PDB file of N, CA and C in Angstrom:
ATOM      1  N   MET A   1       5.979  22.108   8.908  1.00  0.00           N
ATOM      2  CA  MET A   1       4.652  21.529   8.774  1.00  0.00           C
ATOM      3  C   MET A   1       4.803  20.039   8.466  1.00  0.00           C
ATOM      4  N   ALA A   2       4.034  19.213   9.147  1.00  0.00           N
ATOM      5  CA  ALA A   2       4.119  17.762   8.964  1.00  0.00           C
ATOM      6  C   ALA A   2       3.467  17.359   7.648  1.00  0.00           C
ATOM      7  N   THR A   3       4.115  16.417   6.982  1.00  0.00           N
ATOM      8  CA  THR A   3       3.546  15.929   5.730  1.00  0.00           C
ATOM      9  C   THR A   3       2.591  14.786   6.039  1.00  0.00           C
ATOM     10  N   LYS A   4       1.557  14.702   5.256  1.00  0.00           N
ATOM     11  CA  LYS A   4       0.550  13.668   5.448  1.00  0.00           C
ATOM     12  C   LYS A   4       1.053  12.373   4.829  1.00  0.00           C
ATOM     13  N   GLU A   5       0.944  11.282   5.590  1.00  0.00           N
ATOM     14  CA  GLU A   5       1.414   9.993   5.095  1.00  0.00           C
ATOM     15  C   GLU A   5       0.459   9.474   4.020  1.00  0.00           C
ATOM     16  N   LYS A   6       1.047   8.924   2.958  1.00  0.00           N
ATOM     17  CA  LYS A   6       0.248   8.415   1.845  1.00  0.00           C
ATOM     18  C   LYS A   6      -0.535   7.193   2.295  1.00  0.00           C
ATOM     19  N   LYS A   7      -1.785   7.126   1.876  1.00  0.00           N
ATOM     20  CA  LYS A   7      -2.629   5.991   2.234  1.00  0.00           C
ATOM     21  C   LYS A   7      -2.288   4.787   1.374  1.00  0.00           C
ATOM     22  N   LEU A   8      -2.327   3.625   1.986  1.00  0.00           N
ATOM     23  CA  LEU A   8      -2.090   2.380   1.265  1.00  0.00           C
ATOM     24  C   LEU A   8      -3.373   1.965   0.555  1.00  0.00           C
ATOM     25  N   THR A   9      -3.226   1.225  -0.531  1.00  0.00           N
ATOM     26  CA  THR A   9      -4.393   0.751  -1.279  1.00  0.00           C
ATOM     27  C   THR A   9      -4.320  -0.761  -1.428  1.00  0.00           C
ATOM     28  N   LEU A  10      -5.416  -1.341  -1.809  1.00  0.00           N
ATOM     29  CA  LEU A  10      -5.491  -2.775  -2.065  1.00  0.00           C
ATOM     30  C   LEU A  10      -5.547  -2.992  -3.580  1.00  0.00           C
ATOM     31  N   PRO A  11      -5.049  -4.135  -4.042  1.00  0.00           N
ATOM     32  CA  PRO A  11      -5.076  -4.387  -5.485  1.00  0.00           C
ATOM     33  C   PRO A  11      -6.500  -4.618  -5.989  1.00  0.00           C
ATOM     34  N   ILE A  12      -6.693  -4.364  -7.255  1.00  0.00           N
ATOM     35  CA  ILE A  12      -7.990  -4.620  -7.887  1.00  0.00           C
ATOM     36  C   ILE A  12      -8.286  -6.109  -7.792  1.00  0.00           C
ATOM     37  N   GLY A  13      -9.487  -6.436  -7.437  1.00  0.00           N
ATOM     38  CA  GLY A  13      -9.884  -7.830  -7.317  1.00  0.00           C
ATOM     39  C   GLY A  13      -9.763  -8.367  -5.901  1.00  0.00           C
ATOM     40  N   ASP A  14      -9.119  -7.620  -5.018  1.00  0.00           N
ATOM     41  CA  ASP A  14      -9.022  -8.041  -3.623  1.00  0.00           C
ATOM     42  C   ASP A  14     -10.430  -8.037  -3.027  1.00  0.00           C
ATOM     43  N   PRO A  15     -10.776  -9.066  -2.251  1.00  0.00           N
ATOM     44  CA  PRO A  15     -12.128  -9.128  -1.697  1.00  0.00           C
ATOM     45  C   PRO A  15     -12.495  -7.943  -0.803  1.00  0.00           C
ATOM     46  N   GLN A  16     -11.502  -7.288  -0.225  1.00  0.00           N
ATOM     47  CA  GLN A  16     -11.793  -6.159   0.659  1.00  0.00           C
ATOM     48  C   GLN A  16     -11.535  -4.808  -0.009  1.00  0.00           C
ATOM     49  N   ALA A  17     -11.227  -4.822  -1.288  1.00  0.00           N
ATOM     50  CA  ALA A  17     -11.020  -3.560  -2.015  1.00  0.00           C
ATOM     51  C   ALA A  17     -12.372  -2.887  -2.235  1.00  0.00           C
ATOM     52  N   GLY A  18     -12.364  -1.582  -2.171  1.00  0.00           N
ATOM     53  CA  GLY A  18     -13.604  -0.835  -2.349  1.00  0.00           C
ATOM     54  C   GLY A  18     -13.973  -0.675  -3.811  1.00  0.00           C
ATOM     55  N   TYR A  19     -15.222  -0.383  -4.035  1.00  0.00           N
ATOM     56  CA  TYR A  19     -15.704  -0.131  -5.395  1.00  0.00           C
ATOM     57  C   TYR A  19     -16.393   1.229  -5.412  1.00  0.00           C
ATOM     58  N   ALA A  20     -16.036   2.027  -6.366  1.00  0.00           N
ATOM     59  CA  ALA A  20     -16.685   3.327  -6.540  1.00  0.00           C
ATOM     60  C   ALA A  20     -17.343   3.356  -7.910  1.00  0.00           C
ATOM     61  N   PRO A  21     -18.551   3.852  -7.979  1.00  0.00           N
ATOM     62  CA  PRO A  21     -19.207   3.961  -9.278  1.00  0.00           C
ATOM     63  C   PRO A  21     -18.486   4.965 -10.162  1.00  0.00           C
ATOM     64  N   SER A  22     -18.787   4.927 -11.431  1.00  0.00           N
ATOM     65  CA  SER A  22     -18.167   5.829 -12.401  1.00  0.00           C
ATOM     66  C   SER A  22     -18.416   7.285 -12.029  1.00  0.00           C
ATOM     67  N   ASP A  23     -17.469   8.122 -12.392  1.00  0.00           N
ATOM     68  CA  ASP A  23     -17.598   9.555 -12.158  1.00  0.00           C
ATOM     69  C   ASP A  23     -18.497  10.141 -13.237  1.00  0.00           C
ATOM     70  N   VAL A  24     -19.629  10.648 -12.830  1.00  0.00           N
ATOM     71  CA  VAL A  24     -20.589  11.215 -13.785  1.00  0.00           C
ATOM     72  C   VAL A  24     -20.739  12.719 -13.563  1.00  0.00           C
ATOM     73  N   SER A  25     -19.691  13.342 -13.051  1.00  0.00           N
ATOM     74  CA  SER A  25     -19.792  14.745 -12.665  1.00  0.00           C
ATOM     75  C   SER A  25     -19.565  15.733 -13.807  1.00  0.00           C
ATOM     76  N   PHE A  26     -19.276  15.234 -15.007  1.00  0.00           N
ATOM     77  CA  PHE A  26     -19.018  16.150 -16.107  1.00  0.00           C
ATOM     78  C   PHE A  26     -20.237  17.026 -16.386  1.00  0.00           C
ATOM     79  N   VAL A  27     -19.973  18.290 -16.487  1.00  0.00           N
ATOM     80  CA  VAL A  27     -21.008  19.255 -16.863  1.00  0.00           C
ATOM     81  C   VAL A  27     -20.415  20.098 -17.977  1.00  0.00           C
ATOM     82  N   ASP A  28     -21.149  20.233 -19.063  1.00  0.00           N
ATOM     83  CA  ASP A  28     -20.693  21.036 -20.200  1.00  0.00           C
ATOM     84  C   ASP A  28     -20.418  22.464 -19.717  1.00  0.00           C
ATOM     85  N   PRO A  29     -19.195  22.945 -19.921  1.00  0.00           N
ATOM     86  CA  PRO A  29     -18.864  24.286 -19.424  1.00  0.00           C
ATOM     87  C   PRO A  29     -19.657  25.405 -20.099  1.00  0.00           C
ATOM     88  N   ASP A  30     -20.248  25.118 -21.245  1.00  0.00           N
ATOM     89  CA  ASP A  30     -21.034  26.142 -21.940  1.00  0.00           C
ATOM     90  C   ASP A  30     -22.479  26.200 -21.455  1.00  0.00           C
ATOM     91  N   VAL A  31     -22.846  25.262 -20.589  1.00  0.00           N
ATOM     92  CA  VAL A  31     -24.223  25.202 -20.103  1.00  0.00           C
ATOM     93  C   VAL A  31     -24.216  25.472 -18.598  1.00  0.00           C
ATOM     94  N   GLU A  32     -25.070  26.397 -18.179  1.00  0.00           N
ATOM     95  CA  GLU A  32     -25.175  26.682 -16.751  1.00  0.00           C
ATOM     96  C   GLU A  32     -26.399  25.951 -16.211  1.00  0.00           C
ATOM     97  N   LEU A  33     -26.188  25.220 -15.126  1.00  0.00           N
ATOM     98  CA  LEU A  33     -27.291  24.472 -14.539  1.00  0.00           C
ATOM     99  C   LEU A  33     -28.217  25.407 -13.781  1.00  0.00           C
ATOM    100  N   ALA A  34     -29.503  25.052 -13.761  1.00  0.00           N
ATOM    101  CA  ALA A  34     -30.491  25.809 -13.001  1.00  0.00           C
ATOM    102  C   ALA A  34     -30.246  25.572 -11.514  1.00  0.00           C
ATOM    103  N   GLY A  35     -30.837  26.345 -10.678  1.00  0.00           N
ATOM    104  CA  GLY A  35     -30.634  26.288  -9.229  1.00  0.00           C
ATOM    105  C   GLY A  35     -30.769  24.896  -8.635  1.00  0.00           C
ATOM    106  N   ASP A  36     -31.912  24.215  -8.905  1.00  0.00           N
ATOM    107  CA  ASP A  36     -32.137  22.884  -8.341  1.00  0.00           C
ATOM    108  C   ASP A  36     -31.163  21.859  -8.929  1.00  0.00           C
ATOM    109  N   GLU A  37     -30.915  21.955 -10.220  1.00  0.00           N
ATOM    110  CA  GLU A  37     -29.994  21.017 -10.866  1.00  0.00           C
ATOM    111  C   GLU A  37     -28.572  21.209 -10.345  1.00  0.00           C
ATOM    112  N   LYS A  38     -28.179  22.463 -10.164  1.00  0.00           N
ATOM    113  CA  LYS A  38     -26.841  22.763  -9.659  1.00  0.00           C
ATOM    114  C   LYS A  38     -26.680  22.215  -8.239  1.00  0.00           C
ATOM    115  N   GLU A  39     -27.685  22.424  -7.412  1.00  0.00           N
ATOM    116  CA  GLU A  39     -27.661  21.923  -6.034  1.00  0.00           C
ATOM    117  C   GLU A  39     -27.588  20.393  -6.027  1.00  0.00           C
ATOM    118  N   TRP A  40     -28.379  19.752  -6.874  1.00  0.00           N
ATOM    119  CA  TRP A  40     -28.367  18.289  -6.964  1.00  0.00           C
ATOM    120  C   TRP A  40     -26.995  17.793  -7.418  1.00  0.00           C
ATOM    121  N   ALA A  41     -26.409  18.450  -8.416  1.00  0.00           N
ATOM    122  CA  ALA A  41     -25.097  18.046  -8.935  1.00  0.00           C
ATOM    123  C   ALA A  41     -24.020  18.199  -7.864  1.00  0.00           C
ATOM    124  N   GLU A  42     -24.088  19.258  -7.088  1.00  0.00           N
ATOM    125  CA  GLU A  42     -23.116  19.460  -6.006  1.00  0.00           C
ATOM    126  C   GLU A  42     -23.255  18.384  -4.934  1.00  0.00           C
ATOM    127  N   ARG A  43     -24.496  18.033  -4.580  1.00  0.00           N
ATOM    128  CA  ARG A  43     -24.710  16.971  -3.579  1.00  0.00           C
ATOM    129  C   ARG A  43     -24.233  15.630  -4.116  1.00  0.00           C
ATOM    130  N   ARG A  44     -24.489  15.356  -5.398  1.00  0.00           N
ATOM    131  CA  ARG A  44     -24.030  14.109  -6.023  1.00  0.00           C
ATOM    132  C   ARG A  44     -22.511  14.024  -5.995  1.00  0.00           C
ATOM    133  N   ASP A  45     -21.858  15.113  -6.377  1.00  0.00           N
ATOM    134  CA  ASP A  45     -20.394  15.138  -6.397  1.00  0.00           C
ATOM    135  C   ASP A  45     -19.827  14.988  -4.991  1.00  0.00           C
ATOM    136  N   GLN A  46     -20.441  15.643  -4.019  1.00  0.00           N
ATOM    137  CA  GLN A  46     -19.967  15.543  -2.637  1.00  0.00           C
ATOM    138  C   GLN A  46     -20.179  14.136  -2.090  1.00  0.00           C
ATOM    139  N   ALA A  47     -21.293  13.512  -2.439  1.00  0.00           N
ATOM    140  CA  ALA A  47     -21.550  12.136  -1.984  1.00  0.00           C
ATOM    141  C   ALA A  47     -20.501  11.185  -2.555  1.00  0.00           C
ATOM    142  N   ARG A  48     -20.109  11.377  -3.813  1.00  0.00           N
ATOM    143  CA  ARG A  48     -19.082  10.525  -4.414  1.00  0.00           C
ATOM    144  C   ARG A  48     -17.732  10.760  -3.750  1.00  0.00           C
ATOM    145  N   GLU A  49     -17.399  12.008  -3.474  1.00  0.00           N
ATOM    146  CA  GLU A  49     -16.141  12.315  -2.787  1.00  0.00           C
ATOM    147  C   GLU A  49     -16.111  11.685  -1.395  1.00  0.00           C
ATOM    148  N   ASP A  50     -17.235  11.748  -0.685  1.00  0.00           N
ATOM    149  CA  ASP A  50     -17.322  11.126   0.639  1.00  0.00           C
ATOM    150  C   ASP A  50     -17.123   9.616   0.532  1.00  0.00           C
ATOM    151  N   LEU A  51     -17.732   9.006  -0.486  1.00  0.00           N
ATOM    152  CA  LEU A  51     -17.586   7.565  -0.696  1.00  0.00           C
ATOM    153  C   LEU A  51     -16.128   7.209  -0.992  1.00  0.00           C
ATOM    154  N   LEU A  52     -15.477   7.995  -1.854  1.00  0.00           N
ATOM    155  CA  LEU A  52     -14.075   7.737  -2.175  1.00  0.00           C
ATOM    156  C   LEU A  52     -13.187   7.870  -0.937  1.00  0.00           C
ATOM    157  N   ASP A  53     -13.489   8.848  -0.080  1.00  0.00           N
ATOM    158  CA  ASP A  53     -12.729   9.010   1.162  1.00  0.00           C
ATOM    159  C   ASP A  53     -12.923   7.803   2.084  1.00  0.00           C
ATOM    160  N   GLU A  54     -14.158   7.324   2.197  1.00  0.00           N
ATOM    161  CA  GLU A  54     -14.436   6.153   3.030  1.00  0.00           C
ATOM    162  C   GLU A  54     -13.717   4.915   2.493  1.00  0.00           C
ATOM    163  N   ILE A  55     -13.731   4.737   1.190  1.00  0.00           N
ATOM    164  CA  ILE A  55     -13.051   3.596   0.566  1.00  0.00           C
ATOM    165  C   ILE A  55     -11.549   3.680   0.836  1.00  0.00           C
ATOM    166  N   ALA A  56     -10.978   4.857   0.643  1.00  0.00           N
ATOM    167  CA  ALA A  56      -9.542   5.033   0.860  1.00  0.00           C
ATOM    168  C   ALA A  56      -9.171   4.769   2.315  1.00  0.00           C
ATOM    169  N   ASP A  57      -9.982   5.258   3.246  1.00  0.00           N
ATOM    170  CA  ASP A  57      -9.711   5.035   4.672  1.00  0.00           C
ATOM    171  C   ASP A  57      -9.774   3.554   5.015  1.00  0.00           C
ATOM    172  N   ASN A  58     -10.788   2.857   4.504  1.00  0.00           N
ATOM    173  CA  ASN A  58     -10.938   1.437   4.805  1.00  0.00           C
ATOM    174  C   ASN A  58      -9.820   0.609   4.178  1.00  0.00           C
ATOM    175  N   GLU A  59      -9.481   0.894   2.928  1.00  0.00           N
ATOM    176  CA  GLU A  59      -8.399   0.151   2.276  1.00  0.00           C
ATOM    177  C   GLU A  59      -7.074   0.383   2.996  1.00  0.00           C
ATOM    178  N   ASP A  60      -6.832   1.605   3.441  1.00  0.00           N
ATOM    179  CA  ASP A  60      -5.610   1.908   4.178  1.00  0.00           C
ATOM    180  C   ASP A  60      -5.574   1.120   5.487  1.00  0.00           C
ATOM    181  N   LYS A  61      -6.698   1.081   6.184  1.00  0.00           N
ATOM    182  CA  LYS A  61      -6.789   0.343   7.450  1.00  0.00           C
ATOM    183  C   LYS A  61      -6.509  -1.151   7.228  1.00  0.00           C
ATOM    184  N   VAL A  62      -7.133  -1.743   6.227  1.00  0.00           N
ATOM    185  CA  VAL A  62      -6.957  -3.171   5.930  1.00  0.00           C
ATOM    186  C   VAL A  62      -5.514  -3.457   5.503  1.00  0.00           C
ATOM    187  N   ALA A  63      -4.965  -2.619   4.616  1.00  0.00           N
ATOM    188  CA  ALA A  63      -3.601  -2.834   4.122  1.00  0.00           C
ATOM    189  C   ALA A  63      -2.582  -2.705   5.249  1.00  0.00           C
ATOM    190  N   ARG A  64      -2.757  -1.744   6.136  1.00  0.00           N
ATOM    191  CA  ARG A  64      -1.832  -1.577   7.264  1.00  0.00           C
ATOM    192  C   ARG A  64      -1.926  -2.761   8.231  1.00  0.00           C
ATOM    193  N   GLN A  65      -3.127  -3.269   8.451  1.00  0.00           N
ATOM    194  CA  GLN A  65      -3.284  -4.432   9.329  1.00  0.00           C
ATOM    195  C   GLN A  65      -2.614  -5.656   8.707  1.00  0.00           C
ATOM    196  N   ARG A  66      -2.776  -5.837   7.405  1.00  0.00           N
ATOM    197  CA  ARG A  66      -2.122  -6.959   6.722  1.00  0.00           C
ATOM    198  C   ARG A  66      -0.607  -6.829   6.797  1.00  0.00           C
ATOM    199  N   LEU A  67      -0.097  -5.616   6.643  1.00  0.00           N
ATOM    200  CA  LEU A  67       1.337  -5.380   6.732  1.00  0.00           C
ATOM    201  C   LEU A  67       1.850  -5.696   8.132  1.00  0.00           C
ATOM    202  N   LYS A  68       1.103  -5.257   9.131  1.00  0.00           N
ATOM    203  CA  LYS A  68       1.481  -5.527  10.520  1.00  0.00           C
ATOM    204  C   LYS A  68       1.461  -7.030  10.797  1.00  0.00           C
ATOM    205  N   ASP A  69       0.461  -7.729  10.304  1.00  0.00           N
ATOM    206  CA  ASP A  69       0.373  -9.182  10.488  1.00  0.00           C
ATOM    207  C   ASP A  69       1.533  -9.895   9.801  1.00  0.00           C
ATOM    208  N   ALA A  70       1.892  -9.442   8.603  1.00  0.00           N
ATOM    209  CA  ALA A  70       3.004 -10.054   7.869  1.00  0.00           C
ATOM    210  C   ALA A  70       4.327  -9.823   8.593  1.00  0.00           C
ATOM    211  N   GLU A  71       4.523  -8.627   9.135  1.00  0.00           N
ATOM    212  CA  GLU A  71       5.750  -8.338   9.879  1.00  0.00           C
ATOM    213  C   GLU A  71       5.831  -9.196  11.137  1.00  0.00           C
ATOM    214  N   ALA A  72       4.700  -9.371  11.832  1.00  0.00           N
ATOM    215  CA  ALA A  72       4.682 -10.202  13.033  1.00  0.00           C
ATOM    216  C   ALA A  72       4.999 -11.654  12.684  1.00  0.00           C
ATOM    217  N   ALA A  73       4.448 -12.140  11.587  1.00  0.00           N
ATOM    218  CA  ALA A  73       4.715 -13.516  11.161  1.00  0.00           C
ATOM    219  C   ALA A  73       6.187 -13.690  10.793  1.00  0.00           C
ATOM    220  N   THR A  74       6.774 -12.679  10.174  1.00  0.00           N
ATOM    221  CA  THR A  74       8.189 -12.727   9.806  1.00  0.00           C
ATOM    222  C   THR A  74       9.061 -12.738  11.058  1.00  0.00           C
ATOM    223  N   GLU A  75       8.731 -11.909  12.023  1.00  0.00           N
ATOM    224  CA  GLU A  75       9.502 -11.861  13.269  1.00  0.00           C
ATOM    225  C   GLU A  75       9.423 -13.189  14.018  1.00  0.00           C
ATOM    226  N   GLU A  76       8.282 -13.839  13.959  1.00  0.00           N
ATOM    227  CA  GLU A  76       8.140 -15.150  14.606  1.00  0.00           C
ATOM    228  C   GLU A  76       8.949 -16.206  13.873  1.00  0.00           C
ATOM    229  N   ALA A  77       9.011 -16.124  12.554  1.00  0.00           N
ATOM    230  CA  ALA A  77       9.694 -17.138  11.753  1.00  0.00           C
ATOM    231  C   ALA A  77      11.211 -16.985  11.804  1.00  0.00           C
ATOM    232  N   VAL A  78      11.719 -15.796  11.875  1.00  0.00           N
ATOM    233  CA  VAL A  78      13.165 -15.566  11.840  1.00  0.00           C
ATOM    234  C   VAL A  78      13.877 -16.196  13.032  1.00  0.00           C
ATOM    235  N   PRO A  79      13.466 -16.008  14.282  1.00  0.00           N
ATOM    236  CA  PRO A  79      14.176 -16.643  15.387  1.00  0.00           C
ATOM    237  C   PRO A  79      14.161 -18.168  15.300  1.00  0.00           C
ATOM    238  N   LYS A  80      13.092 -18.741  14.831  1.00  0.00           N
ATOM    239  CA  LYS A  80      12.997 -20.198  14.698  1.00  0.00           C
ATOM    240  C   LYS A  80      14.024 -20.698  13.683  1.00  0.00           C
ATOM    241  N   ALA A  81      14.170 -19.992  12.580  1.00  0.00           N
ATOM    242  CA  ALA A  81      15.110 -20.408  11.535  1.00  0.00           C
ATOM    243  C   ALA A  81      16.549 -20.273  12.011  1.00  0.00           C
ATOM    244  N   THR A  82      16.883 -19.224  12.726  1.00  0.00           N
ATOM    245  CA  THR A  82      18.261 -19.037  13.180  1.00  0.00           C
ATOM    246  C   THR A  82      18.613 -20.000  14.296  1.00  0.00           C
ATOM    247  N   SER A  83      17.672 -20.338  15.152  1.00  0.00           N
ATOM    248  CA  SER A  83      17.989 -21.264  16.242  1.00  0.00           C
ATOM    249  C   SER A  83      18.204 -22.683  15.714  1.00  0.00           C
ATOM    250  N   LYS A  84      17.552 -23.064  14.656  1.00  0.00           N
ATOM    251  CA  LYS A  84      17.726 -24.383  14.069  1.00  0.00           C
ATOM    252  C   LYS A  84      19.057 -24.474  13.321  1.00  0.00           C
ATOM    253  N   SER A  85      19.488 -23.392  12.710  1.00  0.00           N
ATOM    254  CA  SER A  85      20.700 -23.423  11.899  1.00  0.00           C
ATOM    255  C   SER A  85      21.961 -23.244  12.737  1.00  0.00           C
ATOM    256  N   SER A  86      21.838 -22.789  13.984  1.00  0.00           N
ATOM    257  CA  SER A  86      23.035 -22.610  14.793  1.00  0.00           C
ATOM    258  C   SER A  86      23.485 -23.967  15.290  1.00  0.00           C
ATOM    259  N   GLY A  87      24.732 -24.263  14.998  1.00  0.00           N
ATOM    260  CA  GLY A  87      25.263 -25.576  15.379  1.00  0.00           C
ATOM    261  C   GLY A  87      26.712 -25.415  15.788  1.00  0.00           C
ATOM    262  N   SER A  88      27.501 -26.443  15.581  1.00  0.00           N
ATOM    263  CA  SER A  88      28.900 -26.401  15.980  1.00  0.00           C
ATOM    264  C   SER A  88      29.707 -25.443  15.127  1.00  0.00           C
ATOM    265  N   GLY A  89      29.280 -25.227  13.904  1.00  0.00           N
ATOM    266  CA  GLY A  89      29.955 -24.291  13.045  1.00  0.00           C
ATOM    267  C   GLY A  89      31.186 -24.869  12.375  1.00  0.00           C
ATOM    268  N   SER A  90      31.580 -26.083  12.706  1.00  0.00           N
ATOM    269  CA  SER A  90      32.760 -26.657  12.055  1.00  0.00           C
ATOM    270  C   SER A  90      32.321 -27.410  10.806  1.00  0.00           C
ATOM    271  N   ALA A  91      33.081 -27.251   9.771  1.00  0.00           N
ATOM    272  CA  ALA A  91      32.778 -27.918   8.507  1.00  0.00           C
ATOM    273  C   ALA A  91      33.867 -28.955   8.236  1.00  0.00           C
ATOM    274  N   THR A  92      33.460 -30.092   7.721  1.00  0.00           N
ATOM    275  CA  THR A  92      34.427 -31.124   7.354  1.00  0.00           C
ATOM    276  C   THR A  92      34.646 -31.120   5.879  1.00  0.00           C
ATOM    277  N   ALA A  93      35.882 -31.290   5.466  1.00  0.00           N
ATOM    278  CA  ALA A  93      36.188 -31.248   4.043  1.00  0.00           C
ATOM    279  C   ALA A  93      36.393 -32.626   3.498  1.00  0.00           C
TER     280      ALA A  93
END
């Protein structure tokens, strides 16, 4: 069975990092919610989970694109640096 690749995240404060509101899903285990309240709580919890999934997907997409851009920039810079440093190779003492 194939393992799922871990999603990349963005650091806190990054302009493209997602924001999720506080988790307010706590329900006292000794109290049973009424039908309408229980349904509302389930929809609220599912909406937050959907939001967290969307944030994770977007952050992963942005982080992977940044990684790809950085690798491309590195590949462009490396040949330029090696071609400039290649010379006669003889050193004088």
